[in-house]
C-alpha cells in the first residue's frame, strides 16, 4: 500500500519568499530584535534547539502570505550553521510554533494592537511582546501571555517568561554606540544579561587590571 505524505505536496522554505517585501520604516525595528538575537547567541551558545528570526516571513498556511514580525523566538527547533541558513520559517517543516512574537511600533501603527495581536492569539503564540519607543503616558513595553485563547498583559519590568527560561525588559544602555532605551534578556533574579559588546569591554577591563597588577610586581606584561 502506498503511503501518502501530505507535507510532501507543500512548498518548502527554499521555494517561498523570505519576507513580504515591506521595508521597515524605523531603524529600531531592526536594531532592537537584532540585539536580542545577539544576546541569545552568546548566552545560548551551546544550545542547539532554538531560533530567533528578525524581519523574516513565518508561514502558517501555504495558501496565505507569511506573517512577518519584527522578531520571533522558537524553541525545540534545529539550530542551523550551514552557509545558507533559513530563508524563512515554515511551520510544516519546523513543526514548532514560535513561542514569542515581537513587534516594535513605528510612528505609524501597523496593526500591533489589533490585527497582529488577534492573529497571533488565533495561531496560539504564547507570548506577544510590543515595544512602543515613543510612548510617554502609557507603558512602552507590553508583554502579553496567552491564556485560554486570550492575551493578558503581564506586569513588571522585566517580565519573567518561565517557558523561555529568561525574562525580557527594557532599560537604558549602549548598543552600536547608540545610547538609548533597549530591550534586553534577564536572569530570573532580575539581573540583566550583558550584551556581547559589554562582555568584550568587561574582558578588556580585566586584562587592563591584570596588566597593572603585573607592573606593580615589577613584571612587564608586554614581555609575554
N, C-alpha and C. Protein backbone atom coordinates (compact mmCIF):
# COMPACT_ATOMS: atom_id res chain seq x y z
N UNK A 1 0.84 -1.19 0.00
CA UNK A 1 0.00 0.00 0.00
C UNK A 1 0.88 1.25 0.00
N UNK A 2 0.54 2.22 -0.86
CA UNK A 2 1.30 3.46 -0.91
C UNK A 2 0.95 4.33 0.28
N UNK A 3 1.98 4.96 0.88
CA UNK A 3 1.76 5.89 1.99
C UNK A 3 1.70 7.32 1.45
N UNK A 4 0.73 8.07 1.93
CA UNK A 4 0.54 9.44 1.46
C UNK A 4 1.13 10.41 2.47
N UNK A 5 2.01 11.25 2.00
CA UNK A 5 2.63 12.27 2.84
C UNK A 5 2.11 13.64 2.42
N UNK A 6 1.21 14.21 3.24
CA UNK A 6 0.60 15.50 2.89
C UNK A 6 1.64 16.61 2.82
N UNK A 7 2.65 16.55 3.67
CA UNK A 7 3.66 17.60 3.70
C UNK A 7 4.50 17.63 2.43
N UNK A 8 4.61 16.49 1.76
CA UNK A 8 5.42 16.42 0.55
C UNK A 8 4.83 17.28 -0.57
N UNK A 9 3.54 17.57 -0.49
CA UNK A 9 2.87 18.38 -1.52
C UNK A 9 3.00 19.87 -1.26
N UNK A 10 3.49 20.25 -0.09
CA UNK A 10 3.58 21.67 0.27
C UNK A 10 4.92 22.25 -0.15
N UNK A 11 4.95 23.55 -0.47
CA UNK A 11 6.22 24.17 -0.85
C UNK A 11 7.19 24.21 0.32
N UNK A 12 8.47 24.14 0.00
CA UNK A 12 9.50 24.18 1.03
C UNK A 12 9.91 25.62 1.29
N UNK A 13 10.72 25.82 2.33
CA UNK A 13 11.19 27.17 2.66
C UNK A 13 12.02 27.76 1.54
N UNK A 14 12.74 26.91 0.78
CA UNK A 14 13.54 27.41 -0.33
C UNK A 14 12.68 27.92 -1.48
N UNK A 15 11.44 27.44 -1.55
CA UNK A 15 10.56 27.81 -2.66
C UNK A 15 9.65 28.99 -2.34
N UNK A 16 9.63 29.43 -1.09
CA UNK A 16 8.74 30.50 -0.66
C UNK A 16 9.50 31.81 -0.48
N UNK A 17 8.86 32.96 -0.72
CA UNK A 17 9.52 34.25 -0.44
C UNK A 17 9.90 34.33 1.03
N UNK A 18 11.04 34.97 1.32
CA UNK A 18 11.52 35.00 2.70
C UNK A 18 10.94 36.15 3.51
N UNK A 19 10.17 37.07 2.89
CA UNK A 19 9.51 38.16 3.61
C UNK A 19 8.36 38.65 2.77
N UNK A 20 7.68 39.70 3.24
CA UNK A 20 6.58 40.27 2.46
C UNK A 20 7.03 41.47 1.66
N UNK A 21 8.37 41.69 1.60
CA UNK A 21 8.96 42.80 0.83
C UNK A 21 8.52 44.17 1.32
N UNK A 22 7.99 44.24 2.54
CA UNK A 22 7.63 45.53 3.13
C UNK A 22 8.81 46.02 3.96
N UNK A 23 9.45 47.14 3.58
CA UNK A 23 10.61 47.60 4.32
C UNK A 23 10.23 48.11 5.71
N UNK A 24 11.14 47.95 6.66
CA UNK A 24 10.90 48.55 7.97
C UNK A 24 10.93 50.06 7.82
N UNK A 25 10.07 50.75 8.57
CA UNK A 25 10.02 52.20 8.45
C UNK A 25 10.64 52.88 9.66
N UNK A 26 11.37 52.12 10.42
CA UNK A 26 12.07 52.67 11.58
C UNK A 26 13.27 51.78 11.85
N UNK A 27 14.46 52.36 11.97
CA UNK A 27 15.67 51.56 12.15
C UNK A 27 15.61 50.71 13.41
N UNK A 28 14.86 51.17 14.42
CA UNK A 28 14.76 50.41 15.66
C UNK A 28 14.08 49.06 15.44
N UNK A 29 13.24 48.97 14.40
CA UNK A 29 12.56 47.71 14.12
C UNK A 29 13.55 46.62 13.72
N UNK A 30 14.72 47.01 13.33
CA UNK A 30 15.79 46.05 13.02
C UNK A 30 16.78 45.93 14.17
N UNK A 31 17.18 47.05 14.76
CA UNK A 31 18.21 47.04 15.79
C UNK A 31 17.76 46.34 17.07
N UNK A 32 16.54 46.59 17.50
CA UNK A 32 16.08 46.03 18.78
C UNK A 32 16.01 44.51 18.74
N UNK A 33 15.34 43.89 17.76
CA UNK A 33 15.38 42.42 17.72
C UNK A 33 16.76 41.86 17.43
N UNK A 34 17.58 42.60 16.68
CA UNK A 34 18.94 42.12 16.40
C UNK A 34 19.77 42.05 17.68
N UNK A 35 19.58 43.01 18.58
CA UNK A 35 20.29 42.98 19.86
C UNK A 35 19.84 41.78 20.69
N UNK A 36 18.54 41.54 20.75
CA UNK A 36 18.03 40.38 21.49
C UNK A 36 18.60 39.08 20.93
N UNK A 37 18.70 39.00 19.61
CA UNK A 37 19.25 37.80 18.98
C UNK A 37 20.73 37.64 19.30
N UNK A 38 21.48 38.75 19.29
CA UNK A 38 22.91 38.70 19.58
C UNK A 38 23.17 38.22 21.01
N UNK A 39 22.33 38.66 21.94
CA UNK A 39 22.50 38.23 23.33
C UNK A 39 22.20 36.74 23.46
N UNK A 40 21.15 36.27 22.80
CA UNK A 40 20.83 34.85 22.84
C UNK A 40 21.95 34.01 22.25
N UNK A 41 22.55 34.49 21.16
CA UNK A 41 23.63 33.74 20.52
C UNK A 41 24.81 33.57 21.48
N UNK A 42 24.95 34.48 22.42
CA UNK A 42 26.03 34.39 23.39
C UNK A 42 25.64 33.53 24.59
N UNK A 43 24.46 33.80 25.16
CA UNK A 43 24.06 33.10 26.38
C UNK A 43 23.62 31.66 26.09
N UNK A 44 23.14 31.40 24.89
CA UNK A 44 22.74 30.05 24.48
C UNK A 44 23.69 29.49 23.43
N UNK A 45 24.95 29.83 23.53
CA UNK A 45 25.93 29.41 22.51
C UNK A 45 26.00 27.90 22.36
N UNK A 46 25.79 27.17 23.44
CA UNK A 46 25.91 25.71 23.41
C UNK A 46 24.58 25.00 23.21
N UNK A 47 23.50 25.76 23.10
CA UNK A 47 22.19 25.15 22.85
C UNK A 47 21.97 25.01 21.35
N UNK A 48 21.41 23.89 20.96
CA UNK A 48 21.19 23.61 19.54
C UNK A 48 19.71 23.51 19.21
N UNK A 49 18.84 24.06 20.07
CA UNK A 49 17.40 23.84 19.89
C UNK A 49 16.60 25.13 19.90
N UNK A 50 17.14 26.19 19.29
CA UNK A 50 16.41 27.45 19.28
C UNK A 50 16.70 28.23 18.01
N UNK A 51 15.79 29.15 17.72
CA UNK A 51 15.97 30.03 16.56
C UNK A 51 15.29 31.36 16.84
N UNK A 52 15.99 32.45 16.53
CA UNK A 52 15.42 33.79 16.66
C UNK A 52 15.48 34.45 15.29
N UNK A 53 14.31 34.75 14.74
CA UNK A 53 14.24 35.37 13.43
C UNK A 53 14.00 36.86 13.52
N UNK A 54 14.59 37.61 12.61
CA UNK A 54 14.44 39.06 12.54
C UNK A 54 13.90 39.43 11.17
N UNK A 55 12.71 40.05 11.16
CA UNK A 55 12.08 40.50 9.91
C UNK A 55 12.06 39.37 8.88
N UNK A 56 11.62 38.21 9.31
CA UNK A 56 11.59 37.02 8.45
C UNK A 56 10.15 36.53 8.30
N UNK A 57 9.83 36.04 7.12
CA UNK A 57 8.50 35.51 6.89
C UNK A 57 8.25 34.23 7.67
N UNK A 58 7.08 34.17 8.33
CA UNK A 58 6.66 32.98 9.09
C UNK A 58 5.41 32.44 8.40
N UNK A 59 5.52 31.24 7.84
CA UNK A 59 4.42 30.65 7.09
C UNK A 59 3.64 29.67 7.97
N UNK A 60 2.33 29.95 8.11
CA UNK A 60 1.44 29.06 8.85
C UNK A 60 0.47 28.32 7.92
N UNK A 61 0.26 28.88 6.74
CA UNK A 61 -0.71 28.34 5.80
C UNK A 61 -0.14 28.49 4.39
N UNK A 62 -0.03 27.40 3.62
CA UNK A 62 0.55 27.51 2.28
C UNK A 62 -0.29 28.35 1.32
N UNK A 63 -1.54 28.60 1.68
CA UNK A 63 -2.42 29.38 0.82
C UNK A 63 -2.50 30.85 1.24
N UNK A 64 -1.73 31.23 2.26
CA UNK A 64 -1.76 32.59 2.76
C UNK A 64 -0.35 33.18 2.74
N UNK A 65 -0.24 34.51 2.59
CA UNK A 65 1.09 35.13 2.67
C UNK A 65 1.65 34.98 4.08
N UNK A 66 2.96 35.13 4.24
CA UNK A 66 3.55 34.94 5.57
C UNK A 66 3.23 36.10 6.49
N UNK A 67 3.30 35.83 7.78
CA UNK A 67 3.32 36.87 8.80
C UNK A 67 4.78 37.26 8.99
N UNK A 68 5.06 38.54 9.07
CA UNK A 68 6.46 38.99 9.20
C UNK A 68 6.59 39.87 10.44
N UNK A 69 6.79 39.27 11.61
CA UNK A 69 7.01 40.07 12.82
C UNK A 69 8.40 40.71 12.79
N UNK A 70 8.61 41.70 13.62
CA UNK A 70 9.95 42.30 13.71
C UNK A 70 10.94 41.30 14.28
N UNK A 71 10.48 40.43 15.17
CA UNK A 71 11.32 39.37 15.71
C UNK A 71 10.46 38.26 16.26
N UNK A 72 11.00 37.04 16.31
CA UNK A 72 10.26 35.93 16.91
C UNK A 72 11.25 34.88 17.40
N UNK A 73 10.82 34.16 18.44
CA UNK A 73 11.65 33.12 19.05
C UNK A 73 10.92 31.79 18.98
N UNK A 74 11.65 30.76 18.54
CA UNK A 74 11.14 29.39 18.56
C UNK A 74 12.09 28.52 19.35
N UNK A 75 11.53 27.62 20.13
CA UNK A 75 12.30 26.66 20.91
C UNK A 75 11.99 25.25 20.44
N UNK A 76 12.97 24.37 20.61
CA UNK A 76 12.77 22.99 20.21
C UNK A 76 12.93 22.76 18.72
N UNK A 77 13.60 23.70 18.04
CA UNK A 77 13.87 23.54 16.61
C UNK A 77 15.37 23.46 16.38
N UNK A 78 15.74 22.96 15.21
CA UNK A 78 17.16 22.79 14.92
C UNK A 78 17.84 24.13 14.70
N UNK A 79 19.01 24.29 15.26
CA UNK A 79 19.81 25.49 15.04
C UNK A 79 20.77 25.21 13.89
N UNK A 80 20.57 25.92 12.80
CA UNK A 80 21.37 25.67 11.60
C UNK A 80 22.67 26.47 11.63
N UNK A 81 23.73 25.84 11.12
CA UNK A 81 25.01 26.51 10.98
C UNK A 81 25.55 26.42 9.55
N UNK A 82 24.70 25.96 8.63
CA UNK A 82 25.20 25.84 7.26
C UNK A 82 25.28 27.21 6.60
N UNK A 83 25.78 27.24 5.41
CA UNK A 83 26.10 28.50 4.74
C UNK A 83 24.88 29.35 4.44
N UNK A 84 23.76 28.73 4.10
CA UNK A 84 22.58 29.47 3.66
C UNK A 84 21.58 29.77 4.76
N UNK A 85 21.63 29.01 5.86
CA UNK A 85 20.72 29.21 6.98
C UNK A 85 19.26 29.10 6.52
N UNK A 86 18.33 29.66 7.32
CA UNK A 86 16.91 29.58 6.96
C UNK A 86 16.52 30.75 6.06
N UNK A 87 15.90 30.48 4.91
CA UNK A 87 15.38 31.58 4.11
C UNK A 87 14.07 32.13 4.68
N UNK A 88 13.31 31.29 5.36
CA UNK A 88 12.06 31.68 6.01
C UNK A 88 11.74 30.62 7.05
N UNK A 89 10.68 30.87 7.83
CA UNK A 89 10.28 29.92 8.86
C UNK A 89 8.95 29.31 8.44
N UNK A 90 8.98 28.03 8.11
CA UNK A 90 7.81 27.34 7.57
C UNK A 90 7.32 26.32 8.59
N UNK A 91 6.12 26.54 9.07
CA UNK A 91 5.62 25.74 10.20
C UNK A 91 5.52 24.26 9.86
N UNK A 92 5.14 23.91 8.64
CA UNK A 92 5.01 22.49 8.31
C UNK A 92 6.36 21.80 8.13
N UNK A 93 7.44 22.58 8.08
CA UNK A 93 8.78 22.00 8.11
C UNK A 93 9.32 21.95 9.54
N UNK A 94 9.13 23.03 10.26
CA UNK A 94 9.69 23.13 11.61
C UNK A 94 8.90 22.31 12.62
N UNK A 95 7.58 22.27 12.43
CA UNK A 95 6.67 21.55 13.33
C UNK A 95 6.70 22.12 14.75
N UNK A 96 7.13 23.37 14.86
CA UNK A 96 7.13 24.05 16.16
C UNK A 96 6.62 25.47 15.96
N UNK A 97 5.61 25.84 16.73
CA UNK A 97 5.08 27.19 16.69
C UNK A 97 6.03 28.13 17.42
N UNK A 98 6.29 29.34 16.90
CA UNK A 98 7.07 30.30 17.69
C UNK A 98 6.44 30.52 19.06
N UNK A 99 7.29 30.61 20.07
CA UNK A 99 6.79 30.81 21.43
C UNK A 99 6.63 32.29 21.76
N UNK A 100 7.30 33.14 20.98
CA UNK A 100 7.26 34.58 21.25
C UNK A 100 7.32 35.35 19.93
N UNK A 101 6.45 36.36 19.83
CA UNK A 101 6.48 37.30 18.71
C UNK A 101 6.76 38.69 19.25
N UNK A 102 7.60 39.44 18.54
CA UNK A 102 7.96 40.80 18.95
C UNK A 102 7.60 41.78 17.85
N UNK A 103 6.95 42.88 18.23
CA UNK A 103 6.66 43.96 17.31
C UNK A 103 7.16 45.27 17.93
N UNK A 104 7.90 46.04 17.13
CA UNK A 104 8.37 47.37 17.54
C UNK A 104 7.52 48.38 16.78
N UNK A 105 6.79 49.21 17.52
CA UNK A 105 5.86 50.14 16.89
C UNK A 105 6.62 51.34 16.34
N UNK A 106 6.33 51.67 15.10
CA UNK A 106 6.93 52.85 14.47
C UNK A 106 5.98 54.03 14.68
N UNK A 107 6.23 55.11 13.97
CA UNK A 107 5.35 56.27 14.07
C UNK A 107 3.96 55.96 13.54
N UNK A 108 3.89 55.03 12.61
CA UNK A 108 2.60 54.62 12.06
C UNK A 108 2.26 53.23 12.57
N UNK A 109 1.09 53.09 13.17
CA UNK A 109 0.67 51.79 13.65
C UNK A 109 0.49 50.83 12.47
N UNK A 110 0.88 49.58 12.68
CA UNK A 110 0.75 48.56 11.63
C UNK A 110 -0.08 47.39 12.13
N UNK A 111 -1.07 47.69 12.95
CA UNK A 111 -1.94 46.64 13.46
C UNK A 111 -1.40 45.91 14.67
N UNK A 112 -0.42 46.50 15.36
CA UNK A 112 0.20 45.82 16.50
C UNK A 112 -0.79 45.51 17.62
N UNK A 113 -1.79 46.37 17.79
CA UNK A 113 -2.76 46.18 18.87
C UNK A 113 -4.09 45.64 18.38
N UNK A 114 -4.21 45.37 17.08
CA UNK A 114 -5.47 44.90 16.52
C UNK A 114 -5.25 43.61 15.73
N UNK A 115 -4.99 43.76 14.43
CA UNK A 115 -4.94 42.58 13.56
C UNK A 115 -3.81 41.62 13.92
N UNK A 116 -2.62 42.15 14.20
CA UNK A 116 -1.50 41.27 14.53
C UNK A 116 -1.73 40.56 15.87
N UNK A 117 -2.21 41.31 16.83
CA UNK A 117 -2.47 40.71 18.14
C UNK A 117 -3.51 39.61 18.03
N UNK A 118 -4.58 39.86 17.27
CA UNK A 118 -5.62 38.85 17.09
C UNK A 118 -5.09 37.64 16.33
N UNK A 119 -4.26 37.90 15.31
CA UNK A 119 -3.72 36.80 14.52
C UNK A 119 -2.80 35.92 15.35
N UNK A 120 -1.94 36.50 16.15
CA UNK A 120 -1.02 35.72 16.97
C UNK A 120 -1.78 34.91 18.02
N UNK A 121 -2.84 35.51 18.58
CA UNK A 121 -3.66 34.77 19.55
C UNK A 121 -4.36 33.59 18.89
N UNK A 122 -4.88 33.81 17.69
CA UNK A 122 -5.57 32.74 16.97
C UNK A 122 -4.62 31.60 16.63
N UNK A 123 -3.39 31.94 16.31
CA UNK A 123 -2.41 30.92 15.96
C UNK A 123 -1.91 30.16 17.20
N UNK A 124 -2.03 30.78 18.37
CA UNK A 124 -1.60 30.12 19.59
C UNK A 124 -0.21 30.48 20.06
N UNK A 125 0.31 31.63 19.63
CA UNK A 125 1.63 32.08 20.07
C UNK A 125 1.54 32.46 21.55
N UNK A 126 2.39 31.86 22.38
CA UNK A 126 2.25 32.01 23.83
C UNK A 126 2.50 33.43 24.30
N UNK A 127 3.57 34.08 23.81
CA UNK A 127 3.91 35.43 24.25
C UNK A 127 3.91 36.41 23.08
N UNK A 128 3.31 37.55 23.33
CA UNK A 128 3.31 38.62 22.34
C UNK A 128 3.89 39.86 23.01
N UNK A 129 5.00 40.34 22.49
CA UNK A 129 5.72 41.48 23.07
C UNK A 129 5.61 42.67 22.13
N UNK A 130 5.16 43.80 22.67
CA UNK A 130 5.03 45.03 21.89
C UNK A 130 5.86 46.11 22.57
N UNK A 131 6.75 46.74 21.80
CA UNK A 131 7.56 47.83 22.32
C UNK A 131 7.23 49.09 21.53
N UNK A 132 6.81 50.13 22.26
CA UNK A 132 6.43 51.40 21.64
C UNK A 132 7.41 52.46 22.16
N UNK A 133 8.51 52.73 21.43
CA UNK A 133 9.60 53.55 21.96
C UNK A 133 9.25 55.01 22.24
N UNK A 134 8.21 55.53 21.61
CA UNK A 134 7.92 56.97 21.78
C UNK A 134 6.78 57.24 22.75
N UNK A 135 6.24 56.23 23.37
CA UNK A 135 5.16 56.44 24.32
C UNK A 135 5.64 57.19 25.56
N UNK A 136 4.78 58.02 26.13
CA UNK A 136 5.13 58.76 27.33
C UNK A 136 4.22 58.45 28.50
N UNK A 137 2.92 58.36 28.26
CA UNK A 137 1.96 58.20 29.35
C UNK A 137 1.49 56.77 29.55
N UNK A 138 1.77 55.92 28.60
CA UNK A 138 1.42 54.51 28.72
C UNK A 138 2.70 53.69 28.71
N UNK A 139 2.65 52.45 29.19
CA UNK A 139 3.86 51.61 29.19
C UNK A 139 4.41 51.44 27.78
N UNK A 140 5.71 51.61 27.66
CA UNK A 140 6.35 51.43 26.34
C UNK A 140 6.52 49.95 26.01
N UNK A 141 6.71 49.14 27.04
CA UNK A 141 6.87 47.70 26.83
C UNK A 141 5.66 46.97 27.38
N UNK A 142 5.03 46.17 26.53
CA UNK A 142 3.88 45.37 26.94
C UNK A 142 4.16 43.92 26.57
N UNK A 143 4.04 43.06 27.56
CA UNK A 143 4.25 41.63 27.36
C UNK A 143 2.93 40.93 27.66
N UNK A 144 2.39 40.26 26.66
CA UNK A 144 1.13 39.56 26.80
C UNK A 144 1.37 38.05 26.80
N UNK A 145 0.59 37.36 27.64
CA UNK A 145 0.65 35.90 27.68
C UNK A 145 -0.71 35.34 27.32
N UNK A 146 -0.70 34.31 26.48
CA UNK A 146 -1.94 33.71 26.01
C UNK A 146 -2.48 32.73 27.05
N UNK A 147 -3.68 33.00 27.52
CA UNK A 147 -4.37 32.13 28.48
C UNK A 147 -5.78 31.90 27.96
N UNK A 148 -6.11 30.65 27.67
CA UNK A 148 -7.44 30.31 27.14
C UNK A 148 -7.79 31.15 25.92
N UNK A 149 -6.84 31.24 24.99
CA UNK A 149 -7.04 31.92 23.70
C UNK A 149 -7.14 33.43 23.80
N UNK A 150 -6.80 33.98 24.95
CA UNK A 150 -6.87 35.43 25.15
C UNK A 150 -5.55 35.93 25.71
N UNK A 151 -5.06 37.06 25.19
CA UNK A 151 -3.82 37.65 25.69
C UNK A 151 -4.09 38.49 26.93
N UNK A 152 -3.28 38.26 27.97
CA UNK A 152 -3.36 39.03 29.19
C UNK A 152 -2.03 39.74 29.43
N UNK A 153 -2.12 41.02 29.74
CA UNK A 153 -0.93 41.83 29.97
C UNK A 153 -0.24 41.41 31.25
N UNK A 154 1.07 41.17 31.18
CA UNK A 154 1.87 40.78 32.33
C UNK A 154 2.50 42.02 32.96
N UNK A 155 2.59 42.02 34.26
CA UNK A 155 3.10 43.17 34.97
C UNK A 155 4.60 43.02 35.25
N UNK A 156 5.27 44.19 35.34
CA UNK A 156 6.67 44.20 35.74
C UNK A 156 7.61 44.57 34.63
N UNK A 157 8.81 44.91 35.01
CA UNK A 157 9.91 45.18 34.09
C UNK A 157 11.21 44.84 34.82
N UNK A 158 11.84 43.74 34.47
CA UNK A 158 11.50 42.83 33.38
C UNK A 158 10.34 41.90 33.72
N UNK A 159 9.84 41.21 32.70
CA UNK A 159 8.80 40.19 32.86
C UNK A 159 9.45 38.82 32.69
N UNK A 160 9.28 37.98 33.68
CA UNK A 160 9.87 36.64 33.62
C UNK A 160 9.01 35.75 32.73
N UNK A 161 9.66 35.00 31.82
CA UNK A 161 8.98 34.09 30.91
C UNK A 161 9.43 32.67 31.24
N UNK A 162 8.72 31.97 32.11
CA UNK A 162 9.21 30.67 32.58
C UNK A 162 9.39 29.64 31.48
N UNK A 163 8.55 29.67 30.46
CA UNK A 163 8.66 28.70 29.38
C UNK A 163 9.90 28.95 28.51
N UNK A 164 10.40 30.17 28.54
CA UNK A 164 11.61 30.52 27.81
C UNK A 164 12.85 30.34 28.68
N UNK A 165 12.67 30.52 29.98
CA UNK A 165 13.81 30.43 30.90
C UNK A 165 14.58 31.72 30.99
N UNK A 166 13.99 32.81 30.52
CA UNK A 166 14.60 34.13 30.57
C UNK A 166 13.50 35.16 30.81
N UNK A 167 13.91 36.34 31.24
CA UNK A 167 12.98 37.45 31.32
C UNK A 167 13.29 38.43 30.21
N UNK A 168 12.34 39.31 29.91
CA UNK A 168 12.55 40.36 28.93
C UNK A 168 12.13 41.68 29.54
N UNK A 169 12.94 42.71 29.29
CA UNK A 169 12.64 44.01 29.87
C UNK A 169 13.37 45.10 29.13
N UNK A 170 13.23 46.33 29.63
CA UNK A 170 13.85 47.47 28.96
C UNK A 170 14.62 48.31 29.98
N UNK A 171 15.73 48.88 29.52
CA UNK A 171 16.48 49.85 30.30
C UNK A 171 17.46 50.55 29.37
N UNK A 172 18.00 51.66 29.85
CA UNK A 172 18.93 52.42 29.03
C UNK A 172 20.28 51.72 28.97
N UNK A 173 20.90 51.81 27.81
CA UNK A 173 22.20 51.20 27.61
C UNK A 173 22.80 51.68 26.31
N UNK A 174 23.89 51.03 25.92
CA UNK A 174 24.60 51.41 24.70
C UNK A 174 24.68 50.19 23.79
N UNK A 175 24.28 50.37 22.54
CA UNK A 175 24.39 49.32 21.53
C UNK A 175 24.80 49.98 20.23
N UNK A 176 25.87 49.46 19.63
CA UNK A 176 26.44 50.02 18.41
C UNK A 176 26.72 51.52 18.56
N UNK A 177 27.15 51.90 19.76
CA UNK A 177 27.49 53.29 20.03
C UNK A 177 26.30 54.19 20.28
N UNK A 178 25.09 53.63 20.29
CA UNK A 178 23.86 54.41 20.47
C UNK A 178 23.37 54.26 21.90
N UNK A 179 23.27 55.38 22.61
CA UNK A 179 22.76 55.37 23.98
C UNK A 179 21.28 55.68 23.96
N UNK A 180 20.48 54.75 24.41
CA UNK A 180 19.03 54.92 24.47
C UNK A 180 18.44 53.76 25.26
N UNK A 181 17.15 53.67 25.29
CA UNK A 181 16.48 52.54 25.92
C UNK A 181 16.44 51.37 24.94
N UNK A 182 16.87 50.20 25.42
CA UNK A 182 16.88 48.99 24.61
C UNK A 182 16.12 47.88 25.32
N UNK A 183 15.77 46.85 24.58
CA UNK A 183 15.22 45.63 25.17
C UNK A 183 16.34 44.65 25.42
N UNK A 184 16.28 43.97 26.57
CA UNK A 184 17.32 43.03 26.96
C UNK A 184 16.68 41.76 27.52
N UNK A 185 17.49 40.71 27.60
CA UNK A 185 17.11 39.49 28.31
C UNK A 185 17.64 39.58 29.74
N UNK A 186 16.95 38.89 30.66
CA UNK A 186 17.29 38.96 32.09
C UNK A 186 17.27 37.57 32.70
N UNK A 187 18.07 37.40 33.75
CA UNK A 187 18.00 36.20 34.57
C UNK A 187 16.77 36.28 35.47
N UNK A 188 16.42 35.17 36.07
CA UNK A 188 15.20 35.09 36.88
C UNK A 188 15.23 36.06 38.06
N UNK A 189 16.43 36.32 38.59
CA UNK A 189 16.54 37.24 39.73
C UNK A 189 16.45 38.70 39.31
N UNK A 190 16.28 38.96 38.01
CA UNK A 190 16.16 40.33 37.53
C UNK A 190 17.46 40.94 37.06
N UNK A 191 18.53 40.15 37.06
CA UNK A 191 19.83 40.66 36.61
C UNK A 191 19.89 40.66 35.09
N UNK A 192 20.26 41.80 34.52
CA UNK A 192 20.32 41.91 33.07
C UNK A 192 21.51 41.14 32.53
N UNK A 193 21.30 40.44 31.41
CA UNK A 193 22.38 39.72 30.75
C UNK A 193 23.15 40.70 29.88
N UNK A 194 24.46 40.71 30.03
CA UNK A 194 25.30 41.65 29.29
C UNK A 194 25.26 41.36 27.79
N UNK A 195 25.42 42.41 27.02
CA UNK A 195 25.49 42.27 25.57
C UNK A 195 26.88 41.78 25.18
N UNK A 196 27.07 41.30 23.94
CA UNK A 196 28.41 40.90 23.50
C UNK A 196 29.42 42.05 23.61
N UNK A 197 29.00 43.27 23.30
CA UNK A 197 29.90 44.42 23.42
C UNK A 197 30.33 44.63 24.86
N UNK A 198 29.36 44.52 25.78
CA UNK A 198 29.67 44.71 27.21
C UNK A 198 30.56 43.60 27.72
N UNK A 199 30.34 42.38 27.25
CA UNK A 199 31.20 41.26 27.65
C UNK A 199 32.63 41.51 27.20
N UNK A 200 32.80 42.01 25.97
CA UNK A 200 34.14 42.30 25.46
C UNK A 200 34.80 43.41 26.25
N UNK A 201 34.03 44.45 26.58
CA UNK A 201 34.57 45.55 27.37
C UNK A 201 34.97 45.08 28.77
N UNK A 202 34.16 44.20 29.34
CA UNK A 202 34.45 43.66 30.66
C UNK A 202 35.74 42.84 30.63
N UNK A 203 35.91 42.03 29.59
CA UNK A 203 37.13 41.23 29.45
C UNK A 203 38.34 42.13 29.26
N UNK A 204 38.19 43.20 28.48
CA UNK A 204 39.29 44.13 28.27
C UNK A 204 39.67 44.83 29.56
N UNK A 205 38.68 45.16 30.37
CA UNK A 205 38.94 45.81 31.66
C UNK A 205 39.70 44.87 32.60
N UNK A 206 39.33 43.58 32.58
CA UNK A 206 40.04 42.62 33.42
C UNK A 206 41.49 42.48 32.99
N UNK A 207 41.72 42.48 31.67
CA UNK A 207 43.10 42.40 31.18
C UNK A 207 43.90 43.63 31.59
N UNK A 208 43.26 44.79 31.57
CA UNK A 208 43.93 46.02 31.98
C UNK A 208 44.32 45.97 33.46
N UNK A 209 43.41 45.49 34.30
CA UNK A 209 43.71 45.37 35.72
C UNK A 209 44.84 44.38 35.97
N UNK A 210 44.82 43.27 35.23
CA UNK A 210 45.89 42.28 35.38
C UNK A 210 47.24 42.88 34.99
N UNK A 211 47.24 43.64 33.89
CA UNK A 211 48.49 44.26 33.45
C UNK A 211 49.01 45.24 34.50
N UNK A 212 48.13 46.01 35.09
CA UNK A 212 48.55 46.95 36.13
C UNK A 212 49.09 46.22 37.35
N UNK A 213 48.49 45.10 37.69
CA UNK A 213 48.97 44.33 38.85
C UNK A 213 50.36 43.77 38.58
N UNK A 214 50.57 43.28 37.34
CA UNK A 214 51.89 42.76 36.99
C UNK A 214 52.95 43.86 37.07
N UNK A 215 52.60 45.07 36.64
CA UNK A 215 53.57 46.17 36.69
C UNK A 215 53.94 46.52 38.12
N UNK A 216 52.97 46.47 39.04
CA UNK A 216 53.29 46.75 40.45
C UNK A 216 54.20 45.69 41.04
N UNK A 217 54.22 44.51 40.42
CA UNK A 217 55.09 43.43 40.87
C UNK A 217 56.44 43.45 40.14
N UNK A 218 56.64 44.48 39.30
CA UNK A 218 57.89 44.58 38.57
C UNK A 218 57.95 43.74 37.34
N UNK A 219 56.83 43.27 36.85
CA UNK A 219 56.78 42.43 35.64
C UNK A 219 56.19 43.24 34.51
N UNK A 220 56.86 43.21 33.37
CA UNK A 220 56.35 43.91 32.21
C UNK A 220 55.37 43.02 31.46
N UNK A 221 54.07 43.35 31.45
CA UNK A 221 53.09 42.46 30.77
C UNK A 221 53.32 42.40 29.28
N UNK A 222 53.98 43.42 28.70
CA UNK A 222 54.21 43.41 27.25
C UNK A 222 55.29 42.43 26.85
N UNK A 223 55.97 41.86 27.82
CA UNK A 223 57.03 40.91 27.51
C UNK A 223 56.50 39.50 27.25
N UNK A 224 55.23 39.30 27.53
CA UNK A 224 54.66 37.94 27.34
C UNK A 224 54.29 37.74 25.88
